[in-house]
C-alpha atoms as a PDB file:
ATOM      1  CA  MET A   1     -37.816  -9.528   1.586  1.00  0.00           C
ATOM      2  CA  GLN A   2     -40.712 -11.516   0.205  1.00  0.00           C
ATOM      3  CA  GLN A   3     -43.362 -13.370   2.148  1.00  0.00           C
ATOM      4  CA  ILE A   4     -45.187 -16.528   1.159  1.00  0.00           C
ATOM      5  CA  PHE A   5     -48.575 -16.960   2.852  1.00  0.00           C
ATOM      6  CA  PHE A   6     -50.570 -20.175   3.024  1.00  0.00           C
ATOM      7  CA  LYS A   7     -52.625 -22.324   5.378  1.00  0.00           C
ATOM      8  CA  LEU A   8     -52.918 -25.972   6.289  1.00  0.00           C
ATOM      9  CA  VAL A   9     -56.263 -27.246   7.595  1.00  0.00           C
ATOM     10  CA  ARG A  10     -56.846 -30.247   9.852  1.00  0.00           C
ATOM     11  CA  GLU A  11     -60.289 -31.744  10.162  1.00  0.00           C
ATOM     12  CA  ASP A  12     -61.053 -34.477  12.674  1.00  0.00           C
ATOM     13  CA  LYS A  13     -64.492 -35.898  11.912  1.00  0.00           C
ATOM     14  CA  ARG A  14     -64.536 -37.905  15.166  1.00  0.00           C
ATOM     15  CA  ASP A  15     -64.761 -34.826  17.384  1.00  0.00           C
ATOM     16  CA  ARG A  16     -65.787 -32.315  14.671  1.00  0.00           C
ATOM     17  CA  ASN A  17     -62.681 -30.304  15.431  1.00  0.00           C
ATOM     18  CA  ARG A  18     -61.140 -28.167  12.700  1.00  0.00           C
ATOM     19  CA  ASP A  19     -57.939 -26.181  12.986  1.00  0.00           C
ATOM     20  CA  ALA A  20     -55.940 -24.095  10.559  1.00  0.00           C
ATOM     21  CA  ALA A  21     -52.257 -23.301  10.606  1.00  0.00           C
ATOM     22  CA  LEU A  22     -51.692 -19.877   9.079  1.00  0.00           C
ATOM     23  CA  ILE A  23     -48.117 -19.866   7.837  1.00  0.00           C
ATOM     24  CA  THR A  24     -45.880 -16.989   6.776  1.00  0.00           C
ATOM     25  CA  VAL A  25     -42.475 -17.761   5.297  1.00  0.00           C
ATOM     26  CA  THR A  26     -40.050 -14.883   4.747  1.00  0.00           C
ATOM     27  CA  VAL A  27     -37.349 -15.272   2.083  1.00  0.00           C
ATOM     28  CA  ASP A  28     -34.830 -13.016   0.363  1.00  0.00           C
ATOM     29  CA  GLU A  29     -36.242 -12.946  -3.162  1.00  0.00           C
ATOM     30  CA  HIS A  30     -32.907 -11.655  -4.518  1.00  0.00           C
ATOM     31  CA  ARG A  31     -31.104 -14.892  -3.625  1.00  0.00           C
ATOM     32  CA  LYS A  32     -30.994 -17.633  -6.197  1.00  0.00           C
ATOM     33  CA  GLY A  33     -32.851 -20.864  -5.410  1.00  0.00           C
ATOM     34  CA  VAL A  34     -35.171 -19.588  -2.671  1.00  0.00           C
ATOM     35  CA  PRO A  35     -38.612 -21.174  -2.360  1.00  0.00           C
ATOM     36  CA  LYS A  36     -41.205 -19.295  -4.395  1.00  0.00           C
ATOM     37  CA  THR A  37     -44.390 -21.290  -3.798  1.00  0.00           C
ATOM     38  CA  PRO A  38     -46.122 -22.659  -0.688  1.00  0.00           C
ATOM     39  CA  LYS A  39     -45.245 -26.224  -1.804  1.00  0.00           C
ATOM     40  CA  GLU A  40     -41.565 -25.324  -2.183  1.00  0.00           C
ATOM     41  CA  ALA A  41     -41.626 -23.584   1.206  1.00  0.00           C
ATOM     42  CA  MET A  42     -43.200 -26.620   2.916  1.00  0.00           C
ATOM     43  CA  ASP A  43     -40.641 -28.943   1.329  1.00  0.00           C
ATOM     44  CA  ARG A  44     -37.868 -26.734   2.748  1.00  0.00           C
ATOM     45  CA  ILE A  45     -39.539 -26.571   6.174  1.00  0.00           C
ATOM     46  CA  CYS A  46     -39.724 -30.393   6.226  1.00  0.00           C
ATOM     47  CA  LYS A  47     -36.004 -30.653   5.422  1.00  0.00           C
ATOM     48  CA  ALA A  48     -35.102 -28.138   8.138  1.00  0.00           C
ATOM     49  CA  VAL A  49     -37.268 -29.913  10.720  1.00  0.00           C
ATOM     50  CA  ALA A  50     -35.865 -33.340   9.822  1.00  0.00           C
ATOM     51  CA  LYS A  51     -32.306 -32.084  10.249  1.00  0.00           C
ATOM     52  CA  TRP A  52     -33.224 -30.326  13.513  1.00  0.00           C
ATOM     53  CA  ILE A  53     -34.680 -33.555  14.900  1.00  0.00           C
ATOM     54  CA  GLU A  54     -31.694 -35.610  13.738  1.00  0.00           C
ATOM     55  CA  LYS A  55     -28.969 -33.209  14.917  1.00  0.00           C
ATOM     56  CA  SER A  56     -30.210 -31.346  18.021  1.00  0.00           C
ATOM     57  CA  LYS A  57     -31.205 -32.484  21.484  1.00  0.00           C
ATOM     58  CA  ASP A  58     -34.230 -30.156  21.596  1.00  0.00           C
ATOM     59  CA  GLY A  59     -35.380 -31.388  18.194  1.00  0.00           C
ATOM     60  CA  ALA A  60     -35.051 -35.049  19.144  1.00  0.00           C
ATOM     61  CA  GLU A  61     -36.839 -34.498  22.464  1.00  0.00           C
ATOM     62  CA  ALA A  62     -39.652 -32.568  20.772  1.00  0.00           C
ATOM     63  CA  TYR A  63     -40.090 -35.376  18.249  1.00  0.00           C
ATOM     64  CA  PHE A  64     -40.185 -38.178  20.818  1.00  0.00           C
ATOM     65  CA  ASP A  65     -42.290 -36.139  23.280  1.00  0.00           C
ATOM     66  CA  ASN A  66     -44.917 -35.883  20.516  1.00  0.00           C
ATOM     67  CA  GLY A  67     -45.032 -39.623  19.999  1.00  0.00           C
ATOM     68  CA  GLU A  68     -42.911 -39.446  16.822  1.00  0.00           C
ATOM     69  CA  ASP A  69     -45.759 -37.535  15.188  1.00  0.00           C
ATOM     70  CA  PHE A  70     -44.457 -34.000  14.747  1.00  0.00           C
ATOM     71  CA  ASN A  71     -46.868 -31.818  12.797  1.00  0.00           C
ATOM     72  CA  ILE A  72     -47.222 -28.122  11.999  1.00  0.00           C
ATOM     73  CA  ALA A  73     -49.018 -27.387  15.298  1.00  0.00           C
ATOM     74  CA  ASP A  74     -46.111 -28.939  17.200  1.00  0.00           C
ATOM     75  CA  LEU A  75     -43.647 -26.922  15.131  1.00  0.00           C
ATOM     76  CA  ALA A  76     -45.463 -23.699  16.063  1.00  0.00           C
ATOM     77  CA  ASP A  77     -44.075 -24.055  19.602  1.00  0.00           C
ATOM     78  CA  TRP A  78     -40.485 -24.292  18.339  1.00  0.00           C
ATOM     79  CA  VAL A  79     -40.104 -21.637  15.608  1.00  0.00           C
ATOM     80  CA  GLU A  80     -37.849 -19.534  17.873  1.00  0.00           C
ATOM     81  CA  ASP A  81     -35.434 -22.391  18.629  1.00  0.00           C
ATOM     82  CA  PRO A  82     -31.910 -21.274  17.589  1.00  0.00           C
ATOM     83  CA  ASN A  83     -30.934 -24.619  16.040  1.00  0.00           C
ATOM     84  CA  LEU A  84     -34.171 -24.834  14.082  1.00  0.00           C
ATOM     85  CA  THR A  85     -33.730 -21.220  12.940  1.00  0.00           C
ATOM     86  CA  LEU A  86     -30.258 -22.073  11.584  1.00  0.00           C
ATOM     87  CA  ASN A  87     -31.639 -25.086   9.734  1.00  0.00           C
ATOM     88  CA  LEU A  88     -34.408 -22.954   8.238  1.00  0.00           C
ATOM     89  CA  MET A  89     -31.834 -20.380   7.126  1.00  0.00           C
ATOM     90  CA  GLU A  90     -29.848 -23.171   5.437  1.00  0.00           C
ATOM     91  CA  GLN A  91     -33.055 -23.815   3.489  1.00  0.00           C
ATOM     92  CA  ASP A  92     -33.242 -20.097   2.516  1.00  0.00           C
ATOM     93  CA  ILE A  93     -36.069 -19.373   4.976  1.00  0.00           C
ATOM     94  CA  LEU A  94     -35.240 -16.233   6.930  1.00  0.00           C
ATOM     95  CA  LYS A  95     -38.290 -16.321   9.191  1.00  0.00           C
ATOM     96  CA  LEU A  96     -41.120 -18.737   9.851  1.00  0.00           C
ATOM     97  CA  GLU A  97     -44.356 -17.694  11.552  1.00  0.00           C
ATOM     98  CA  ILE A  98     -47.126 -20.154  12.402  1.00  0.00           C
ATOM     99  CA  THR A  99     -50.452 -19.228  13.975  1.00  0.00           C
ATOM    100  CA  ILE A 100     -52.868 -21.994  14.909  1.00  0.00           C
ATOM    101  CA  GLU A 101     -56.547 -21.031  14.770  1.00  0.00           C
ATOM    102  CA  ASN A 102     -59.554 -23.118  15.738  1.00  0.00           C
ATOM    103  CA  LEU A 103     -62.182 -23.129  13.014  1.00  0.00           C
ATOM    104  CA  PHE A 104     -65.507 -23.231  14.758  1.00  0.00           C
ATOM    105  CA  ASP A 105     -67.868 -25.922  13.647  1.00  0.00           C
ATOM    106  CA  THR A 106     -70.882 -23.611  13.407  1.00  0.00           C
ATOM    107  CA  VAL A 107     -71.382 -22.257   9.902  1.00  0.00           C
ATOM    108  CA  LEU A 108     -74.215 -19.845   9.173  1.00  0.00           C
ATOM    109  CA  ASP A 109     -76.048 -20.786   5.999  1.00  0.00           C
ATOM    110  CA  ASP A 110     -77.589 -17.369   5.422  1.00  0.00           C
ATOM    111  CA  PHE A 111     -74.391 -15.328   5.994  1.00  0.00           C
ATOM    112  CA  THR A 112     -71.105 -15.548   4.153  1.00  0.00           C
ATOM    113  CA  PHE A 113     -67.812 -13.723   4.399  1.00  0.00           C
ATOM    114  CA  ASP A 114     -69.021 -11.329   1.684  1.00  0.00           C
ATOM    115  CA  THR A 115     -72.499 -10.646   3.101  1.00  0.00           C
ATOM    116  CA  ASN A 116     -73.287  -6.937   2.794  1.00  0.00           C
ATOM    117  CA  LEU A 117     -74.187  -6.360   6.453  1.00  0.00           C
ATOM    118  CA  PRO A 118     -76.293  -3.169   6.360  1.00  0.00           C
ATOM    119  CA  ARG A 119     -78.359  -4.488   3.473  1.00  0.00           C
ATOM    120  CA  ARG A 120     -79.554  -7.255   5.802  1.00  0.00           C
ATOM    121  CA  VAL A 121     -81.441  -4.658   7.859  1.00  0.00           C
ATOM    122  CA  GLU A 122     -85.014  -4.045   6.766  1.00  0.00           C
ATOM    123  CA  GLY A 123     -85.554  -0.440   5.717  1.00  0.00           C
ATOM    124  CA  PHE A 124     -81.853   0.330   5.320  1.00  0.00           C
ATOM    125  CA  GLY A 125     -81.221   3.159   2.904  1.00  0.00           C
ATOM    126  CA  PRO A 126     -77.825   4.811   2.781  1.00  0.00           C
ATOM    127  CA  ASN A 127     -77.596   8.584   3.026  1.00  0.00           C
ATOM    128  CA  ASP A 128     -75.298  10.690   0.928  1.00  0.00           C
ATOM    129  CA  PRO A 129     -72.308  11.457   3.187  1.00  0.00           C
ATOM    130  CA  GLN A 130     -72.606  15.152   2.280  1.00  0.00           C
ATOM    131  CA  ASP A 131     -76.091  15.213   3.815  1.00  0.00           C
ATOM    132  CA  LEU A 132     -74.862  13.989   7.202  1.00  0.00           C
ATOM    133  CA  ASP A 133     -73.474  16.022  10.089  1.00  0.00           C
ATOM    134  CA  ALA A 134     -69.969  15.283  11.278  1.00  0.00           C
ATOM    135  CA  ASP A 135     -71.322  14.476  14.742  1.00  0.00           C
ATOM    136  CA  ILE A 136     -72.174  10.915  15.628  1.00  0.00           C
ATOM    137  CA  GLU A 137     -75.902  10.362  16.052  1.00  0.00           C
ATOM    138  CA  ARG A 138     -76.916   8.066  18.866  1.00  0.00           C
ATOM    139  CA  ASP A 139     -80.358   6.495  19.186  1.00  0.00           C
END
């Protein structure tokens, strides 16, 4: 099995809200014609969702209950639906996982993902591990 990982980000400038959908698509890489890129996977997801909405009661209700605006966050609540699962499998998607995460608006200018944390402490000087006891020192 092969997994395709990607994210979709929504930014609403009116309320400064940002969300990300973290998406994992599982395919059988040994089958011919399976999606290989995030774009191909999303195209297949769209086809599966459209068919699910057109052909199943749950799909149609989900679509109309969301004001005919069915996005990836709405889909996250339905990935276990048996009819949707069958439609995804017809599109060569064996499993679809969607996690919605809120991206907080506060960004620290002086820290990044790659900030070396101990080097931010004044006077920090690493010890050679061989010079340290195995016991944990507590202040």
